[in-house]
C-alpha atoms as a PDB file:
ATOM      1  CA  MET A   1     -77.221   1.443  42.882  1.00  0.00           C
ATOM      2  CA  VAL A   2     -76.392   2.562  46.443  1.00  0.00           C
ATOM      3  CA  MET A   3     -78.030  -0.480  47.994  1.00  0.00           C
ATOM      4  CA  HIS A   4     -75.657  -2.797  46.081  1.00  0.00           C
ATOM      5  CA  GLU A   5     -72.442  -0.832  46.608  1.00  0.00           C
ATOM      6  CA  LYS A   6     -71.492  -2.414  49.929  1.00  0.00           C
ATOM      7  CA  ARG A   7     -71.938  -5.923  48.493  1.00  0.00           C
ATOM      8  CA  ILE A   8     -69.868  -5.072  45.386  1.00  0.00           C
ATOM      9  CA  VAL A   9     -67.045  -3.701  47.553  1.00  0.00           C
ATOM     10  CA  GLU A  10     -67.129  -6.766  49.811  1.00  0.00           C
ATOM     11  CA  LEU A  11     -66.970  -9.165  46.865  1.00  0.00           C
ATOM     12  CA  LEU A  12     -64.190  -7.185  45.174  1.00  0.00           C
ATOM     13  CA  THR A  13     -62.155  -7.266  48.390  1.00  0.00           C
ATOM     14  CA  ARG A  14     -62.557 -11.041  48.708  1.00  0.00           C
ATOM     15  CA  LYS A  15     -61.711 -11.543  45.036  1.00  0.00           C
ATOM     16  CA  ILE A  16     -58.450  -9.584  45.205  1.00  0.00           C
ATOM     17  CA  ALA A  17     -57.532 -11.315  48.479  1.00  0.00           C
ATOM     18  CA  GLY A  18     -58.022 -14.660  46.723  1.00  0.00           C
ATOM     19  CA  GLU A  19     -60.722 -15.775  49.149  1.00  0.00           C
ATOM     20  CA  ALA A  20     -63.860 -15.485  46.960  1.00  0.00           C
ATOM     21  CA  THR A  21     -65.835 -18.669  46.283  1.00  0.00           C
ATOM     22  CA  PRO A  22     -67.027 -19.544  42.740  1.00  0.00           C
ATOM     23  CA  GLU A  23     -70.549 -18.525  43.775  1.00  0.00           C
ATOM     24  CA  GLU A  24     -69.305 -15.156  45.003  1.00  0.00           C
ATOM     25  CA  LEU A  25     -67.339 -14.607  41.802  1.00  0.00           C
ATOM     26  CA  GLY A  26     -70.491 -15.337  39.788  1.00  0.00           C
ATOM     27  CA  GLU A  27     -72.479 -12.888  41.891  1.00  0.00           C
ATOM     28  CA  LEU A  28     -69.755 -10.255  41.438  1.00  0.00           C
ATOM     29  CA  SER A  29     -69.721 -10.766  37.681  1.00  0.00           C
ATOM     30  CA  TYR A  30     -73.497 -10.262  37.551  1.00  0.00           C
ATOM     31  CA  LEU A  31     -73.381  -7.097  39.678  1.00  0.00           C
ATOM     32  CA  LEU A  32     -70.553  -5.606  37.622  1.00  0.00           C
ATOM     33  CA  SER A  33     -72.484  -6.271  34.400  1.00  0.00           C
ATOM     34  CA  LYS A  34     -75.582  -4.642  35.892  1.00  0.00           C
ATOM     35  CA  TYR A  35     -73.667  -1.686  37.318  1.00  0.00           C
ATOM     36  CA  PRO A  36     -70.724  -1.134  34.942  1.00  0.00           C
ATOM     37  CA  ASP A  37     -69.576   2.015  36.759  1.00  0.00           C
ATOM     38  CA  ALA A  38     -68.383  -0.253  39.597  1.00  0.00           C
ATOM     39  CA  VAL A  39     -65.170  -0.829  37.641  1.00  0.00           C
ATOM     40  CA  TYR A  40     -63.987   2.401  39.288  1.00  0.00           C
ATOM     41  CA  TYR A  41     -64.155   0.690  42.667  1.00  0.00           C
ATOM     42  CA  GLU A  42     -62.257  -2.358  41.412  1.00  0.00           C
ATOM     43  CA  ALA A  43     -59.494  -0.151  40.026  1.00  0.00           C
ATOM     44  CA  LEU A  44     -59.278   1.778  43.287  1.00  0.00           C
ATOM     45  CA  LEU A  45     -59.091  -1.417  45.339  1.00  0.00           C
ATOM     46  CA  ASP A  46     -56.300  -2.762  43.106  1.00  0.00           C
ATOM     47  CA  GLN A  47     -54.289   0.412  43.705  1.00  0.00           C
ATOM     48  CA  VAL A  48     -54.761   0.296  47.476  1.00  0.00           C
ATOM     49  CA  TRP A  49     -53.863  -3.392  47.604  1.00  0.00           C
ATOM     50  CA  ASP A  50     -50.722  -2.894  45.487  1.00  0.00           C
ATOM     51  CA  LEU A  51     -49.569  -0.094  47.751  1.00  0.00           C
ATOM     52  CA  GLY A  52     -50.030  -2.318  50.763  1.00  0.00           C
ATOM     53  CA  LYS A  53     -48.041  -5.132  49.161  1.00  0.00           C
ATOM     54  CA  ARG A  54     -45.180  -2.801  48.277  1.00  0.00           C
ATOM     55  CA  ASP A  55     -45.051  -1.586  51.868  1.00  0.00           C
ATOM     56  CA  GLU A  56     -44.887  -5.192  53.112  1.00  0.00           C
ATOM     57  CA  SER A  57     -41.973  -5.924  50.825  1.00  0.00           C
ATOM     58  CA  GLU A  58     -39.795  -3.416  52.704  1.00  0.00           C
ATOM     59  CA  ASP A  59     -38.199  -4.912  55.803  1.00  0.00           C
ATOM     60  CA  VAL A  60     -38.097  -1.937  58.155  1.00  0.00           C
ATOM     61  CA  GLN A  61     -36.159  -3.790  60.859  1.00  0.00           C
ATOM     62  CA  GLN A  62     -33.507  -4.912  58.399  1.00  0.00           C
ATOM     63  CA  ALA A  63     -33.085  -1.356  57.148  1.00  0.00           C
ATOM     64  CA  PHE A  64     -32.640  -0.150  60.747  1.00  0.00           C
ATOM     65  CA  GLU A  65     -29.978  -2.779  61.502  1.00  0.00           C
ATOM     66  CA  LYS A  66     -27.993  -1.582  58.469  1.00  0.00           C
ATOM     67  CA  HIS A  67     -28.389   1.954  59.702  1.00  0.00           C
ATOM     68  CA  LYS A  68     -26.969   0.980  63.139  1.00  0.00           C
ATOM     69  CA  LEU A  69     -23.954  -0.714  61.602  1.00  0.00           C
ATOM     70  CA  LYS A  70     -23.228   2.432  59.649  1.00  0.00           C
ATOM     71  CA  TYR A  71     -23.451   4.817  62.628  1.00  0.00           C
ATOM     72  CA  LYS A  72     -22.501   2.240  65.344  1.00  0.00           C
ATOM     73  CA  THR A  73     -23.255   3.569  68.834  1.00  0.00           C
ATOM     74  CA  GLU A  74     -24.360   7.036  67.844  1.00  0.00           C
ATOM     75  CA  LEU A  75     -27.982   6.006  67.961  1.00  0.00           C
ATOM     76  CA  GLU A  76     -27.968   3.926  71.169  1.00  0.00           C
ATOM     77  CA  PHE A  77     -30.043   6.554  72.961  1.00  0.00           C
ATOM     78  CA  VAL A  78     -32.825   6.312  70.396  1.00  0.00           C
ATOM     79  CA  GLU A  79     -35.832   4.217  71.446  1.00  0.00           C
ATOM     80  CA  VAL A  80     -36.922   2.232  68.431  1.00  0.00           C
ATOM     81  CA  ARG A  81     -40.679   1.923  68.082  1.00  0.00           C
ATOM     82  CA  GLU A  82     -42.657   0.011  65.498  1.00  0.00           C
ATOM     83  CA  GLU A  83     -43.888   2.332  62.773  1.00  0.00           C
ATOM     84  CA  ARG A  84     -47.656   2.098  62.535  1.00  0.00           C
ATOM     85  CA  SER A  85     -48.334   3.457  59.077  1.00  0.00           C
ATOM     86  CA  LEU A  86     -51.530   2.798  57.204  1.00  0.00           C
ATOM     87  CA  PHE A  87     -49.928  -0.030  55.272  1.00  0.00           C
ATOM     88  CA  SER A  88     -48.376  -1.702  58.304  1.00  0.00           C
ATOM     89  CA  ILE A  89     -51.877  -1.776  59.766  1.00  0.00           C
ATOM     90  CA  LEU A  90     -53.063  -3.347  56.526  1.00  0.00           C
ATOM     91  CA  LYS A  91     -50.839  -6.358  57.337  1.00  0.00           C
ATOM     92  CA  LYS A  92     -53.524  -7.513  59.733  1.00  0.00           C
ATOM     93  CA  PRO A  93     -56.226  -9.118  57.517  1.00  0.00           C
ATOM     94  CA  ILE A  94     -59.304  -8.294  59.582  1.00  0.00           C
ATOM     95  CA  ILE A  95     -58.368  -4.633  60.035  1.00  0.00           C
ATOM     96  CA  ALA A  96     -57.319  -4.458  56.394  1.00  0.00           C
ATOM     97  CA  TYR A  97     -60.697  -5.691  55.175  1.00  0.00           C
ATOM     98  CA  ALA A  98     -62.533  -3.245  57.419  1.00  0.00           C
ATOM     99  CA  MET A  99     -60.437  -0.262  56.363  1.00  0.00           C
ATOM    100  CA  LEU A 100     -60.566  -1.124  52.680  1.00  0.00           C
ATOM    101  CA  ILE A 101     -64.320  -1.491  52.804  1.00  0.00           C
ATOM    102  CA  CYS A 102     -64.633   1.920  54.501  1.00  0.00           C
ATOM    103  CA  ILE A 103     -62.297   3.516  51.970  1.00  0.00           C
ATOM    104  CA  LEU A 104     -64.077   2.009  49.004  1.00  0.00           C
ATOM    105  CA  ILE A 105     -67.572   2.729  50.267  1.00  0.00           C
ATOM    106  CA  SER A 106     -66.556   6.368  50.735  1.00  0.00           C
ATOM    107  CA  ALA A 107     -65.023   6.427  47.277  1.00  0.00           C
ATOM    108  CA  SER A 108     -68.011   4.726  45.726  1.00  0.00           C
ATOM    109  CA  LEU A 109     -70.379   7.207  47.333  1.00  0.00           C
ATOM    110  CA  TYR A 110     -68.199  10.008  45.975  1.00  0.00           C
ATOM    111  CA  PHE A 111     -68.287   8.582  42.445  1.00  0.00           C
ATOM    112  CA  PHE A 112     -72.018   7.902  42.688  1.00  0.00           C
ATOM    113  CA  ASN A 113     -72.829  11.382  43.966  1.00  0.00           C
ATOM    114  CA  PHE A 114     -70.495  12.914  41.382  1.00  0.00           C
ATOM    115  CA  ARG A 115     -72.301  11.076  38.594  1.00  0.00           C
ATOM    116  CA  GLN A 116     -75.633  12.131  40.067  1.00  0.00           C
ATOM    117  CA  PHE A 117     -74.423  15.718  40.153  1.00  0.00           C
ATOM    118  CA  LYS A 118     -73.229  15.486  36.568  1.00  0.00           C
ATOM    119  CA  GLN A 119     -76.545  14.080  35.410  1.00  0.00           C
ATOM    120  CA  LYS A 120     -78.745  16.419  37.437  1.00  0.00           C
ATOM    121  CA  ASP A 121     -80.549  19.014  35.379  1.00  0.00           C
ATOM    122  CA  VAL A 122     -79.060  17.676  32.141  1.00  0.00           C
ATOM    123  CA  ARG A 123     -81.583  18.317  29.376  1.00  0.00           C
ATOM    124  CA  VAL A 124     -81.572  16.139  26.274  1.00  0.00           C
ATOM    125  CA  ASP A 125     -82.993  17.373  22.967  1.00  0.00           C
ATOM    126  CA  ILE A 126     -83.876  14.936  20.181  1.00  0.00           C
ATOM    127  CA  ILE A 127     -84.453  16.638  16.836  1.00  0.00           C
ATOM    128  CA  ALA A 128     -85.840  15.184  13.610  1.00  0.00           C
ATOM    129  CA  GLY A 129     -85.112  17.575  10.765  1.00  0.00           C
ATOM    130  CA  LYS A 130     -87.276  18.114   7.716  1.00  0.00           C
ATOM    131  CA  GLY A 131     -87.533  14.949   5.670  1.00  0.00           C
ATOM    132  CA  ILE A 132     -86.388  12.860   8.663  1.00  0.00           C
ATOM    133  CA  ARG A 133     -88.343  10.623  11.038  1.00  0.00           C
ATOM    134  CA  LYS A 134     -86.662   9.260  14.178  1.00  0.00           C
ATOM    135  CA  GLU A 135     -87.398   6.665  16.813  1.00  0.00           C
ATOM    136  CA  VAL A 136     -85.970   6.966  20.328  1.00  0.00           C
ATOM    137  CA  LYS A 137     -86.255   5.018  23.581  1.00  0.00           C
ATOM    138  CA  LEU A 138     -86.388   7.212  26.686  1.00  0.00           C
ATOM    139  CA  PRO A 139     -84.652   6.296  29.986  1.00  0.00           C
ATOM    140  CA  ASP A 140     -87.940   4.975  31.431  1.00  0.00           C
ATOM    141  CA  GLY A 141     -88.478   2.601  28.491  1.00  0.00           C
ATOM    142  CA  THR A 142     -91.021   4.774  26.647  1.00  0.00           C
ATOM    143  CA  LEU A 143     -90.792   4.519  22.849  1.00  0.00           C
ATOM    144  CA  VAL A 144     -91.173   7.748  20.887  1.00  0.00           C
ATOM    145  CA  ARG A 145     -91.327   8.194  17.137  1.00  0.00           C
ATOM    146  CA  LEU A 146     -90.674  11.760  15.988  1.00  0.00           C
ATOM    147  CA  ASN A 147     -92.140  13.094  12.767  1.00  0.00           C
ATOM    148  CA  SER A 148     -90.275  15.463  10.458  1.00  0.00           C
ATOM    149  CA  ASP A 149     -89.313  18.904  11.767  1.00  0.00           C
ATOM    150  CA  SER A 150     -90.006  17.933  15.388  1.00  0.00           C
ATOM    151  CA  LYS A 151     -88.155  18.241  18.676  1.00  0.00           C
ATOM    152  CA  LEU A 152     -88.477  16.268  21.926  1.00  0.00           C
ATOM    153  CA  SER A 153     -86.843  17.476  25.147  1.00  0.00           C
ATOM    154  CA  TYR A 154     -86.507  15.523  28.413  1.00  0.00           C
ATOM    155  CA  ASP A 155     -84.391  15.286  31.581  1.00  0.00           C
ATOM    156  CA  LEU A 156     -81.640  12.680  31.607  1.00  0.00           C
ATOM    157  CA  ASP A 157     -82.563  11.724  35.191  1.00  0.00           C
ATOM    158  CA  MET A 158     -86.305  11.489  34.498  1.00  0.00           C
ATOM    159  CA  GLN A 159     -86.424   8.082  36.207  1.00  0.00           C
ATOM    160  CA  SER A 160     -85.606   9.641  39.580  1.00  0.00           C
ATOM    161  CA  GLN A 161     -88.332  12.281  39.379  1.00  0.00           C
ATOM    162  CA  GLU A 162     -91.926  12.117  40.610  1.00  0.00           C
ATOM    163  CA  GLN A 163     -93.190  12.867  37.096  1.00  0.00           C
ATOM    164  CA  ARG A 164     -91.756  11.895  33.722  1.00  0.00           C
ATOM    165  CA  ASN A 165     -91.945  15.212  31.891  1.00  0.00           C
ATOM    166  CA  VAL A 166     -91.180  15.748  28.216  1.00  0.00           C
ATOM    167  CA  VAL A 167     -91.655  18.776  25.978  1.00  0.00           C
ATOM    168  CA  LEU A 168     -92.709  18.358  22.345  1.00  0.00           C
ATOM    169  CA  THR A 169     -92.562  20.742  19.431  1.00  0.00           C
ATOM    170  CA  GLY A 170     -94.030  19.225  16.280  1.00  0.00           C
ATOM    171  CA  GLU A 171     -95.453  15.709  16.108  1.00  0.00           C
ATOM    172  CA  ALA A 172     -94.698  12.454  17.891  1.00  0.00           C
ATOM    173  CA  PHE A 173     -96.241   9.064  18.578  1.00  0.00           C
ATOM    174  CA  PHE A 174     -95.761   7.803  22.141  1.00  0.00           C
ATOM    175  CA  LYS A 175     -95.842   4.259  23.458  1.00  0.00           C
ATOM    176  CA  VAL A 176     -95.510   5.024  27.159  1.00  0.00           C
ATOM    177  CA  ALA A 177     -93.949   2.537  29.577  1.00  0.00           C
ATOM    178  CA  HIS A 178     -96.476   1.870  32.352  1.00  0.00           C
ATOM    179  CA  ASP A 179     -95.652   3.268  35.783  1.00  0.00           C
ATOM    180  CA  LYS A 180     -98.659   3.867  38.039  1.00  0.00           C
ATOM    181  CA  LYS A 181     -96.556   5.794  40.579  1.00  0.00           C
ATOM    182  CA  ARG A 182     -94.991   8.266  38.162  1.00  0.00           C
ATOM    183  CA  PRO A 183     -97.237   9.776  35.487  1.00  0.00           C
ATOM    184  CA  PHE A 184     -95.859  10.591  32.047  1.00  0.00           C
ATOM    185  CA  ILE A 185     -96.602  14.170  30.964  1.00  0.00           C
ATOM    186  CA  VAL A 186     -96.231  15.625  27.478  1.00  0.00           C
ATOM    187  CA  LYS A 187     -96.211  19.406  27.239  1.00  0.00           C
ATOM    188  CA  THR A 188     -96.640  21.314  23.986  1.00  0.00           C
ATOM    189  CA  ASN A 189     -97.192  24.965  23.240  1.00  0.00           C
ATOM    190  CA  GLU A 190    -100.974  24.471  23.492  1.00  0.00           C
ATOM    191  CA  VAL A 191    -101.736  21.464  25.723  1.00  0.00           C
ATOM    192  CA  ALA A 192    -100.488  19.186  28.498  1.00  0.00           C
ATOM    193  CA  ILE A 193    -101.229  15.445  28.345  1.00  0.00           C
ATOM    194  CA  LYS A 194    -101.018  13.181  31.394  1.00  0.00           C
ATOM    195  CA  VAL A 195    -100.846   9.384  31.122  1.00  0.00           C
ATOM    196  CA  LEU A 196     -99.659   6.349  33.060  1.00  0.00           C
ATOM    197  CA  GLY A 197     -99.059   3.991  30.173  1.00  0.00           C
ATOM    198  CA  THR A 198    -100.685   4.128  26.763  1.00  0.00           C
ATOM    199  CA  GLU A 199    -100.265   4.818  23.029  1.00  0.00           C
ATOM    200  CA  PHE A 200    -101.165   8.161  21.514  1.00  0.00           C
ATOM    201  CA  ASN A 201    -100.168  10.714  18.893  1.00  0.00           C
ATOM    202  CA  VAL A 202     -99.626  14.441  19.425  1.00  0.00           C
ATOM    203  CA  ARG A 203     -99.313  17.043  16.693  1.00  0.00           C
ATOM    204  CA  ASP A 204     -98.609  20.675  17.599  1.00  0.00           C
ATOM    205  CA  TYR A 205     -96.473  22.489  15.044  1.00  0.00           C
ATOM    206  CA  PRO A 206     -95.833  26.218  15.408  1.00  0.00           C
ATOM    207  CA  GLY A 207     -97.759  27.970  12.657  1.00  0.00           C
ATOM    208  CA  ASP A 208    -100.304  25.179  12.109  1.00  0.00           C
ATOM    209  CA  LYS A 209    -103.965  26.034  12.517  1.00  0.00           C
ATOM    210  CA  GLU A 210    -104.690  23.046  14.754  1.00  0.00           C
ATOM    211  CA  SER A 211    -103.155  21.145  17.633  1.00  0.00           C
ATOM    212  CA  GLU A 212    -104.340  17.535  17.626  1.00  0.00           C
ATOM    213  CA  THR A 213    -104.102  14.649  20.106  1.00  0.00           C
ATOM    214  CA  THR A 214    -105.189  11.152  19.062  1.00  0.00           C
ATOM    215  CA  LEU A 215    -105.515   8.250  21.518  1.00  0.00           C
ATOM    216  CA  MET A 216    -105.000   4.699  20.264  1.00  0.00           C
ATOM    217  CA  GLN A 217    -104.864   2.672  23.511  1.00  0.00           C
ATOM    218  CA  GLY A 218    -105.439   3.293  27.216  1.00  0.00           C
ATOM    219  CA  SER A 219    -106.602   6.700  28.418  1.00  0.00           C
ATOM    220  CA  ILE A 220    -105.181  10.193  28.710  1.00  0.00           C
ATOM    221  CA  GLU A 221    -106.032  13.353  30.626  1.00  0.00           C
ATOM    222  CA  LEU A 222    -105.625  16.520  28.589  1.00  0.00           C
ATOM    223  CA  THR A 223    -105.616  20.143  29.720  1.00  0.00           C
ATOM    224  CA  ILE A 224    -105.388  23.315  27.660  1.00  0.00           C
ATOM    225  CA  ASN A 225    -102.526  25.601  28.645  1.00  0.00           C
ATOM    226  CA  GLY A 226    -103.896  28.538  30.595  1.00  0.00           C
ATOM    227  CA  ARG A 227    -107.097  26.645  31.484  1.00  0.00           C
ATOM    228  CA  THR A 228    -105.895  23.915  33.817  1.00  0.00           C
ATOM    229  CA  GLU A 229    -109.240  23.768  35.591  1.00  0.00           C
ATOM    230  CA  GLN A 230    -110.687  22.079  32.501  1.00  0.00           C
ATOM    231  CA  LYS A 231    -109.691  18.465  31.980  1.00  0.00           C
ATOM    232  CA  PHE A 232    -110.598  16.243  29.041  1.00  0.00           C
ATOM    233  CA  ILE A 233    -110.446  12.459  29.269  1.00  0.00           C
ATOM    234  CA  LEU A 234    -109.983  10.712  25.930  1.00  0.00           C
ATOM    235  CA  LYS A 235    -110.942   7.126  25.203  1.00  0.00           C
ATOM    236  CA  PRO A 236    -109.332   4.840  22.604  1.00  0.00           C
ATOM    237  CA  SER A 237    -109.930   5.902  18.973  1.00  0.00           C
ATOM    238  CA  GLU A 238    -110.842   9.445  20.039  1.00  0.00           C
ATOM    239  CA  LYS A 239    -109.035  12.624  19.097  1.00  0.00           C
ATOM    240  CA  LEU A 240    -109.158  16.171  20.379  1.00  0.00           C
ATOM    241  CA  ALA A 241    -108.418  19.000  17.976  1.00  0.00           C
ATOM    242  CA  LEU A 242    -107.750  22.523  19.213  1.00  0.00           C
ATOM    243  CA  VAL A 243    -108.235  25.181  16.555  1.00  0.00           C
ATOM    244  CA  LYS A 244    -105.746  27.914  17.390  1.00  0.00           C
ATOM    245  CA  ASP A 245    -106.715  31.569  17.489  1.00  0.00           C
ATOM    246  CA  ASP A 246    -103.511  33.383  16.586  1.00  0.00           C
ATOM    247  CA  SER A 247    -105.206  36.779  16.686  1.00  0.00           C
ATOM    248  CA  LYS A 248    -105.312  36.634  20.502  1.00  0.00           C
ATOM    249  CA  LYS A 249    -102.040  34.888  21.251  1.00  0.00           C
ATOM    250  CA  VAL A 250    -101.070  37.393  23.922  1.00  0.00           C
ATOM    251  CA  ASP A 251    -103.990  36.292  26.110  1.00  0.00           C
ATOM    252  CA  VAL A 252    -103.504  32.831  27.624  1.00  0.00           C
ATOM    253  CA  ASN A 253    -107.251  32.660  28.243  1.00  0.00           C
ATOM    254  CA  HIS A 254    -108.163  33.395  24.624  1.00  0.00           C
ATOM    255  CA  SER A 255    -111.115  31.603  23.117  1.00  0.00           C
ATOM    256  CA  SER A 256    -110.523  28.651  20.831  1.00  0.00           C
ATOM    257  CA  VAL A 257    -112.529  25.879  19.258  1.00  0.00           C
ATOM    258  CA  LEU A 258    -112.294  22.383  20.711  1.00  0.00           C
ATOM    259  CA  MET A 259    -113.456  19.371  18.749  1.00  0.00           C
ATOM    260  CA  ILE A 260    -113.583  15.825  20.110  1.00  0.00           C
ATOM    261  CA  ASP A 261    -114.288  13.172  17.531  1.00  0.00           C
ATOM    262  CA  ASN A 262    -113.813   9.491  16.754  1.00  0.00           C
ATOM    263  CA  ILE A 263    -111.098   8.569  14.294  1.00  0.00           C
ATOM    264  CA  SER A 264    -112.167   6.554  11.272  1.00  0.00           C
ATOM    265  CA  PRO A 265    -109.997   4.770   8.685  1.00  0.00           C
ATOM    266  CA  LEU A 266    -109.640   6.297   5.254  1.00  0.00           C
ATOM    267  CA  LYS A 267    -110.277   3.804   2.465  1.00  0.00           C
ATOM    268  CA  LEU A 268    -108.333   4.316  -0.753  1.00  0.00           C
ATOM    269  CA  GLY A 269    -108.587   1.530  -3.292  1.00  0.00           C
ATOM    270  CA  ASN A 270    -108.327  -1.757  -1.438  1.00  0.00           C
ATOM    271  CA  GLU A 271    -106.394  -0.306   1.485  1.00  0.00           C
ATOM    272  CA  GLU A 272    -107.463   1.383   4.707  1.00  0.00           C
ATOM    273  CA  TYR A 273    -105.347   4.033   6.436  1.00  0.00           C
ATOM    274  CA  ILE A 274    -105.592   5.787   9.788  1.00  0.00           C
ATOM    275  CA  GLU A 275    -104.662   9.266   8.690  1.00  0.00           C
ATOM    276  CA  GLU A 276    -103.631  10.497  12.150  1.00  0.00           C
ATOM    277  CA  ILE A 277    -100.843   7.912  12.628  1.00  0.00           C
ATOM    278  CA  SER A 278    -100.076   6.786   9.056  1.00  0.00           C
ATOM    279  CA  TRP A 279     -96.845   8.774   9.141  1.00  0.00           C
ATOM    280  CA  THR A 280     -95.411   6.282  11.674  1.00  0.00           C
ATOM    281  CA  GLU A 281     -95.479   3.737   8.826  1.00  0.00           C
ATOM    282  CA  ASN A 282     -93.844   6.238   6.439  1.00  0.00           C
ATOM    283  CA  LYS A 283     -97.117   6.888   4.611  1.00  0.00           C
ATOM    284  CA  PHE A 284     -98.211  10.429   3.789  1.00  0.00           C
ATOM    285  CA  VAL A 285    -102.017  10.299   3.963  1.00  0.00           C
ATOM    286  CA  PHE A 286    -104.326  13.275   3.434  1.00  0.00           C
ATOM    287  CA  GLN A 287    -108.100  13.555   3.085  1.00  0.00           C
ATOM    288  CA  ASN A 288    -109.972  16.517   1.590  1.00  0.00           C
ATOM    289  CA  GLU A 289    -107.196  18.948   2.502  1.00  0.00           C
ATOM    290  CA  THR A 290    -106.599  22.263   0.788  1.00  0.00           C
ATOM    291  CA  MET A 291    -103.331  22.954  -0.977  1.00  0.00           C
ATOM    292  CA  GLU A 292    -102.744  25.709   1.570  1.00  0.00           C
ATOM    293  CA  ASP A 293    -102.890  23.190   4.434  1.00  0.00           C
ATOM    294  CA  LEU A 294    -100.859  20.597   2.528  1.00  0.00           C
ATOM    295  CA  ILE A 295     -97.948  22.887   1.737  1.00  0.00           C
ATOM    296  CA  PRO A 296     -96.380  22.915   5.267  1.00  0.00           C
ATOM    297  CA  ARG A 297     -96.852  19.139   5.480  1.00  0.00           C
ATOM    298  CA  LEU A 298     -95.190  18.619   2.089  1.00  0.00           C
ATOM    299  CA  GLU A 299     -92.337  20.926   3.086  1.00  0.00           C
ATOM    300  CA  ARG A 300     -91.676  18.970   6.264  1.00  0.00           C
ATOM    301  CA  TRP A 301     -92.079  15.549   4.636  1.00  0.00           C
ATOM    302  CA  TYR A 302     -89.818  16.212   1.628  1.00  0.00           C
ATOM    303  CA  ASN A 303     -87.535  18.913   3.056  1.00  0.00           C
ATOM    304  CA  VAL A 304     -88.326  21.481   0.366  1.00  0.00           C
ATOM    305  CA  LYS A 305     -89.479  25.084   0.221  1.00  0.00           C
ATOM    306  CA  ILE A 306     -92.777  25.642  -1.639  1.00  0.00           C
ATOM    307  CA  VAL A 307     -93.853  29.051  -2.870  1.00  0.00           C
ATOM    308  CA  LEU A 308     -97.512  29.528  -3.837  1.00  0.00           C
ATOM    309  CA  ASN A 309     -99.208  32.908  -4.199  1.00  0.00           C
ATOM    310  CA  ASP A 310    -102.259  32.024  -6.298  1.00  0.00           C
ATOM    311  CA  PRO A 311    -105.319  32.080  -3.961  1.00  0.00           C
ATOM    312  CA  LEU A 312    -107.300  29.819  -6.320  1.00  0.00           C
ATOM    313  CA  ILE A 313    -104.694  27.036  -6.242  1.00  0.00           C
ATOM    314  CA  ARG A 314    -104.439  27.433  -2.463  1.00  0.00           C
ATOM    315  CA  SER A 315    -108.134  26.487  -2.211  1.00  0.00           C
ATOM    316  CA  PHE A 316    -107.769  23.275  -4.284  1.00  0.00           C
ATOM    317  CA  ARG A 317    -108.630  20.161  -2.225  1.00  0.00           C
ATOM    318  CA  PHE A 318    -106.886  16.777  -2.420  1.00  0.00           C
ATOM    319  CA  THR A 319    -107.212  13.256  -1.041  1.00  0.00           C
ATOM    320  CA  GLY A 320    -104.511  10.648  -1.455  1.00  0.00           C
ATOM    321  CA  VAL A 321    -101.561   8.689  -0.074  1.00  0.00           C
ATOM    322  CA  PHE A 322     -97.835   8.857  -0.892  1.00  0.00           C
ATOM    323  CA  VAL A 323     -95.551   6.012   0.096  1.00  0.00           C
ATOM    324  CA  ASP A 324     -92.391   5.904  -2.006  1.00  0.00           C
ATOM    325  CA  GLU A 325     -92.999   8.949  -4.213  1.00  0.00           C
ATOM    326  CA  ASN A 326     -90.532  11.837  -4.215  1.00  0.00           C
ATOM    327  CA  ILE A 327     -91.787  15.425  -4.224  1.00  0.00           C
ATOM    328  CA  LEU A 328     -91.902  15.705  -8.020  1.00  0.00           C
ATOM    329  CA  GLN A 329     -93.840  12.455  -8.368  1.00  0.00           C
ATOM    330  CA  ALA A 330     -96.216  13.639  -5.639  1.00  0.00           C
ATOM    331  CA  LEU A 331     -96.895  16.913  -7.450  1.00  0.00           C
ATOM    332  CA  GLU A 332     -97.432  15.102 -10.747  1.00  0.00           C
ATOM    333  CA  ALA A 333    -100.028  12.874  -9.089  1.00  0.00           C
ATOM    334  CA  MET A 334    -101.789  15.937  -7.664  1.00  0.00           C
ATOM    335  CA  GLN A 335    -101.838  17.518 -11.124  1.00  0.00           C
ATOM    336  CA  LEU A 336    -104.087  14.656 -12.245  1.00  0.00           C
ATOM    337  CA  ILE A 337    -106.721  15.896  -9.767  1.00  0.00           C
ATOM    338  CA  LYS A 338    -106.379  19.673 -10.191  1.00  0.00           C
ATOM    339  CA  SER A 339    -104.679  21.673 -12.897  1.00  0.00           C
ATOM    340  CA  PHE A 340    -101.595  23.661 -11.876  1.00  0.00           C
ATOM    341  CA  ASN A 341     -97.963  24.078 -12.938  1.00  0.00           C
ATOM    342  CA  TYR A 342     -94.732  24.056 -10.985  1.00  0.00           C
ATOM    343  CA  GLU A 343     -91.030  24.563 -11.488  1.00  0.00           C
ATOM    344  CA  GLN A 344     -88.107  23.532  -9.313  1.00  0.00           C
ATOM    345  CA  LYS A 345     -84.937  25.474  -8.648  1.00  0.00           C
ATOM    346  CA  GLU A 346     -82.539  23.679  -6.304  1.00  0.00           C
ATOM    347  CA  ASN A 347     -84.494  23.067  -3.078  1.00  0.00           C
ATOM    348  CA  GLU A 348     -87.339  25.473  -3.872  1.00  0.00           C
ATOM    349  CA  ILE A 349     -90.533  24.690  -5.779  1.00  0.00           C
ATOM    350  CA  ARG A 350     -92.760  27.423  -7.159  1.00  0.00           C
ATOM    351  CA  ILE A 351     -96.366  26.484  -7.897  1.00  0.00           C
ATOM    352  CA  TYR A 352     -98.431  28.629 -10.310  1.00  0.00           C
END
């Protein structure tokens, strides 16, 4: 905004002086709509101008003549000089304009720098709780859709930085605004993903066995935390899955299994679903997953607590899609595939 401040101040000065042309007033209106914080400068200019007008309204010479009549010759030895206060100087239009512009530019720089200081290092956290999915537009124009039980963190002044950094816990789909000069970087607990402008999905929940990145459009560069010398370039319709090794968490260089594969639609009935991003359309899609792996997903999707201790039921595998079903309807549908029982008490479901 700094580059436009001088012009805004100049136009405001001409407007209040009654000398602005219709074209200048139109330009001022546009600039004020584009930079709404400039109303501070207009208010300040009004105050300065009002003070100047009030000073003009006082006739100093007349007041002195009354003073002489009151004290007669007692003040004959006094040499009367014209008072040159700030506001008497403001009576001269050219000097007034120059001084007001200097005052307002200084004030505007103060307000601008103060706002910059206030915004600097401000971290914003967007949280989607269990059972909730959120969509947010970042300051750079990037669209992010957060899945349940996920958190996205970013700097409020990310547009002024060399890199657009965000931190993700959970799952999110990104549609990144293109900016070839400032890469967009997503950091999770396991990986870092660098892009310029593209669409991709990242899933990295604490406690899950896998961290998964799926590219839909464009290209991304992915590195594993602790192994930055290795870079993986994904192409559209490819996904990289990192199988976590929790037994060696203390070692950042621990071994893990990396799998790069093509995504393929899942056909159920007459419909096809892309399992990796179906959640963005509020569809819970799962293919050949064990009950053990489904439980954390069900808990996040429906905001419930599920208790299951039977190792046999944990090994049951399911394929399906839930769209409008609630948790009880979902479990009833799963009972048609494998035999199990359940009971609900408040927000907890026990499967046996």
